[in-house]
Amino acid sequence: MSVRISRQHWLALLDELESARRSRSLLTYRSVIERLGLPQPAMVTLTTALEYLAALDRREGRPLRSALVVSQSGTRIPREGFFDCALRLGALEGSPQVTDAVSWHAAEVTRVFEHRYPDHHQE
């Protein structure tokens, strides 16, 4: 199954992530889906878009903005697929234990907060 995100939703996703970065806050998957009004299958569309963005960020040597989207469970870390994607992209090495994943994620979020990303409205 091929999943696509509209340009309007893509730009809105980048805006949400930039706003979260500037305010040094995290977003939940659910809140992003609701704010963007993603059509069904919304979670599949969002995770596909976040993985694509992670690949773009990794290719450009930037921290992974997709780290700002987390589960609303008590862990406040992304779902397992995020870590699988980070492993595939070479951003995360080995097979991290939960505590290692939590600390790696916290460090990546800090890096995202401190990084200045290009303005996607000028591309």
C-alpha atoms as a PDB file:
ATOM      1  CA  MET A   1       0.000   0.000   0.000  1.00  0.00           C
ATOM      2  CA  SER A   2       1.351   3.383  -0.991  1.00  0.00           C
ATOM      3  CA  VAL A   3       0.741   6.223   1.449  1.00  0.00           C
ATOM      4  CA  ARG A   4       0.960   9.873   0.467  1.00  0.00           C
ATOM      5  CA  ILE A   5       0.594  13.104   2.349  1.00  0.00           C
ATOM      6  CA  SER A   6      -0.698  16.203   0.607  1.00  0.00           C
ATOM      7  CA  ARG A   7       1.606  19.193   0.232  1.00  0.00           C
ATOM      8  CA  GLN A   8      -0.738  21.180   2.481  1.00  0.00           C
ATOM      9  CA  HIS A   9      -0.535  18.544   5.232  1.00  0.00           C
ATOM     10  CA  TRP A  10       3.249  18.206   4.764  1.00  0.00           C
ATOM     11  CA  LEU A  11       3.813  21.936   5.200  1.00  0.00           C
ATOM     12  CA  ALA A  12       1.440  21.998   8.179  1.00  0.00           C
ATOM     13  CA  LEU A  13       3.423  19.122   9.746  1.00  0.00           C
ATOM     14  CA  LEU A  14       6.679  21.039   9.283  1.00  0.00           C
ATOM     15  CA  ASP A  15       5.040  24.123  10.830  1.00  0.00           C
ATOM     16  CA  GLU A  16       3.838  22.107  13.856  1.00  0.00           C
ATOM     17  CA  LEU A  17       7.293  20.650  14.389  1.00  0.00           C
ATOM     18  CA  GLU A  18       8.962  24.052  14.060  1.00  0.00           C
ATOM     19  CA  SER A  19       6.530  25.563  16.542  1.00  0.00           C
ATOM     20  CA  ALA A  20       7.223  22.721  18.994  1.00  0.00           C
ATOM     21  CA  ARG A  21      10.969  23.149  18.471  1.00  0.00           C
ATOM     22  CA  ARG A  22      10.811  26.875  19.177  1.00  0.00           C
ATOM     23  CA  SER A  23       8.689  26.374  22.299  1.00  0.00           C
ATOM     24  CA  ARG A  24      10.878  23.433  23.351  1.00  0.00           C
ATOM     25  CA  SER A  25       7.878  21.134  23.660  1.00  0.00           C
ATOM     26  CA  LEU A  26       6.822  17.696  22.493  1.00  0.00           C
ATOM     27  CA  LEU A  27       3.737  16.725  20.494  1.00  0.00           C
ATOM     28  CA  THR A  28       1.703  13.526  20.700  1.00  0.00           C
ATOM     29  CA  TYR A  29       0.839  11.518  17.628  1.00  0.00           C
ATOM     30  CA  ARG A  30      -2.841  12.090  18.377  1.00  0.00           C
ATOM     31  CA  SER A  31      -2.479  15.872  18.722  1.00  0.00           C
ATOM     32  CA  VAL A  32      -0.622  16.116  15.400  1.00  0.00           C
ATOM     33  CA  ILE A  33      -3.262  14.018  13.623  1.00  0.00           C
ATOM     34  CA  GLU A  34      -6.023  16.179  15.070  1.00  0.00           C
ATOM     35  CA  ARG A  35      -4.290  19.521  14.409  1.00  0.00           C
ATOM     36  CA  LEU A  36      -3.505  18.604  10.823  1.00  0.00           C
ATOM     37  CA  GLY A  37      -6.830  16.917  10.174  1.00  0.00           C
ATOM     38  CA  LEU A  38      -5.109  14.000   8.472  1.00  0.00           C
ATOM     39  CA  PRO A  39      -7.418  11.696   6.509  1.00  0.00           C
ATOM     40  CA  GLN A  40      -7.606   7.963   7.241  1.00  0.00           C
ATOM     41  CA  PRO A  41      -5.432   6.014   7.632  1.00  0.00           C
ATOM     42  CA  ALA A  42      -4.164   8.971   9.670  1.00  0.00           C
ATOM     43  CA  MET A  43      -1.615   7.152  11.875  1.00  0.00           C
ATOM     44  CA  VAL A  44      -0.097   5.373   8.874  1.00  0.00           C
ATOM     45  CA  THR A  45       0.095   8.670   6.972  1.00  0.00           C
ATOM     46  CA  LEU A  46       1.712  10.450   9.927  1.00  0.00           C
ATOM     47  CA  THR A  47       4.282   7.748  10.656  1.00  0.00           C
ATOM     48  CA  THR A  48       5.184   7.493   6.959  1.00  0.00           C
ATOM     49  CA  ALA A  49       5.657  11.277   6.787  1.00  0.00           C
ATOM     50  CA  LEU A  50       7.736  11.306   9.989  1.00  0.00           C
ATOM     51  CA  GLU A  51       9.961   8.502   8.685  1.00  0.00           C
ATOM     52  CA  TYR A  52      10.424  10.362   5.399  1.00  0.00           C
ATOM     53  CA  LEU A  53      11.323  13.536   7.314  1.00  0.00           C
ATOM     54  CA  ALA A  54      13.777  11.563   9.467  1.00  0.00           C
ATOM     55  CA  ALA A  55      15.477  10.308   6.289  1.00  0.00           C
ATOM     56  CA  LEU A  56      15.704  13.874   4.924  1.00  0.00           C
ATOM     57  CA  ASP A  57      17.103  15.187   8.222  1.00  0.00           C
ATOM     58  CA  ARG A  58      19.616  12.346   8.480  1.00  0.00           C
ATOM     59  CA  ARG A  59      20.758  12.862   4.868  1.00  0.00           C
ATOM     60  CA  GLU A  60      21.398  16.551   5.640  1.00  0.00           C
ATOM     61  CA  GLY A  61      23.188  15.750   8.920  1.00  0.00           C
ATOM     62  CA  ARG A  62      20.449  17.336  11.040  1.00  0.00           C
ATOM     63  CA  PRO A  63      18.893  16.068  14.276  1.00  0.00           C
ATOM     64  CA  LEU A  64      15.687  14.116  13.655  1.00  0.00           C
ATOM     65  CA  ARG A  65      12.696  16.428  14.042  1.00  0.00           C
ATOM     66  CA  SER A  66      10.438  13.400  14.182  1.00  0.00           C
ATOM     67  CA  ALA A  67      11.802  12.878  17.728  1.00  0.00           C
ATOM     68  CA  LEU A  68       9.434  15.651  18.832  1.00  0.00           C
ATOM     69  CA  VAL A  69       6.386  13.422  18.256  1.00  0.00           C
ATOM     70  CA  VAL A  70       5.800  11.032  21.135  1.00  0.00           C
ATOM     71  CA  SER A  71       3.286   8.574  22.472  1.00  0.00           C
ATOM     72  CA  GLN A  72       0.751   9.948  24.914  1.00  0.00           C
ATOM     73  CA  SER A  73       1.557   7.059  27.254  1.00  0.00           C
ATOM     74  CA  GLY A  74       3.517   7.832  30.395  1.00  0.00           C
ATOM     75  CA  THR A  75       6.865   7.195  28.706  1.00  0.00           C
ATOM     76  CA  ARG A  76       6.767  10.391  26.597  1.00  0.00           C
ATOM     77  CA  ILE A  77       8.959   8.766  23.963  1.00  0.00           C
ATOM     78  CA  PRO A  78       8.096   7.874  20.370  1.00  0.00           C
ATOM     79  CA  ARG A  79       6.693   4.497  19.432  1.00  0.00           C
ATOM     80  CA  GLU A  80       9.010   1.625  18.614  1.00  0.00           C
ATOM     81  CA  GLY A  81       8.831   2.376  14.882  1.00  0.00           C
ATOM     82  CA  PHE A  82      10.705   5.636  15.436  1.00  0.00           C
ATOM     83  CA  PHE A  83      13.636   3.772  16.973  1.00  0.00           C
ATOM     84  CA  ASP A  84      13.542   1.147  14.201  1.00  0.00           C
ATOM     85  CA  CYS A  85      13.690   3.967  11.657  1.00  0.00           C
ATOM     86  CA  ALA A  86      16.573   5.656  13.517  1.00  0.00           C
ATOM     87  CA  LEU A  87      18.450   2.340  13.474  1.00  0.00           C
ATOM     88  CA  ARG A  88      17.846   1.880   9.729  1.00  0.00           C
ATOM     89  CA  LEU A  89      19.080   5.407   9.049  1.00  0.00           C
ATOM     90  CA  GLY A  90      22.202   4.934  11.171  1.00  0.00           C
ATOM     91  CA  ALA A  91      21.203   7.687  13.613  1.00  0.00           C
ATOM     92  CA  LEU A  92      21.005   5.155  16.444  1.00  0.00           C
ATOM     93  CA  GLU A  93      23.452   2.290  16.747  1.00  0.00           C
ATOM     94  CA  GLY A  94      22.867  -1.183  18.109  1.00  0.00           C
ATOM     95  CA  SER A  95      19.665  -2.454  19.626  1.00  0.00           C
ATOM     96  CA  PRO A  96      19.005  -0.158  22.559  1.00  0.00           C
ATOM     97  CA  GLN A  97      17.501  -1.292  25.805  1.00  0.00           C
ATOM     98  CA  VAL A  98      14.582   0.814  27.000  1.00  0.00           C
ATOM     99  CA  THR A  99      16.758   2.969  29.273  1.00  0.00           C
ATOM    100  CA  ASP A 100      19.231   3.565  26.449  1.00  0.00           C
ATOM    101  CA  ALA A 101      16.388   4.464  24.081  1.00  0.00           C
ATOM    102  CA  VAL A 102      15.004   6.957  26.604  1.00  0.00           C
ATOM    103  CA  SER A 103      18.369   8.659  27.104  1.00  0.00           C
ATOM    104  CA  TRP A 104      19.160   8.656  23.358  1.00  0.00           C
ATOM    105  CA  HIS A 105      15.751  10.158  22.634  1.00  0.00           C
ATOM    106  CA  ALA A 106      16.224  12.859  25.294  1.00  0.00           C
ATOM    107  CA  ALA A 107      19.602  13.778  23.784  1.00  0.00           C
ATOM    108  CA  GLU A 108      18.123  13.868  20.254  1.00  0.00           C
ATOM    109  CA  VAL A 109      15.271  16.122  21.421  1.00  0.00           C
ATOM    110  CA  THR A 110      17.813  18.506  22.957  1.00  0.00           C
ATOM    111  CA  ARG A 111      19.722  18.542  19.681  1.00  0.00           C
ATOM    112  CA  VAL A 112      16.494  19.311  17.774  1.00  0.00           C
ATOM    113  CA  PHE A 113      15.671  22.175  20.160  1.00  0.00           C
ATOM    114  CA  GLU A 114      19.117  23.692  19.602  1.00  0.00           C
ATOM    115  CA  HIS A 115      19.273  23.252  15.805  1.00  0.00           C
ATOM    116  CA  ARG A 116      18.067  25.871  13.318  1.00  0.00           C
ATOM    117  CA  TYR A 117      16.309  24.229  10.385  1.00  0.00           C
ATOM    118  CA  PRO A 118      15.930  25.848   6.977  1.00  0.00           C
ATOM    119  CA  ASP A 119      12.696  27.729   6.335  1.00  0.00           C
ATOM    120  CA  HIS A 120      10.599  25.296   4.300  1.00  0.00           C
ATOM    121  CA  HIS A 121       8.383  28.138   3.059  1.00  0.00           C
ATOM    122  CA  GLN A 122      11.288  29.435   0.977  1.00  0.00           C
ATOM    123  CA  GLU A 123      12.076  26.115  -0.716  1.00  0.00           C
END
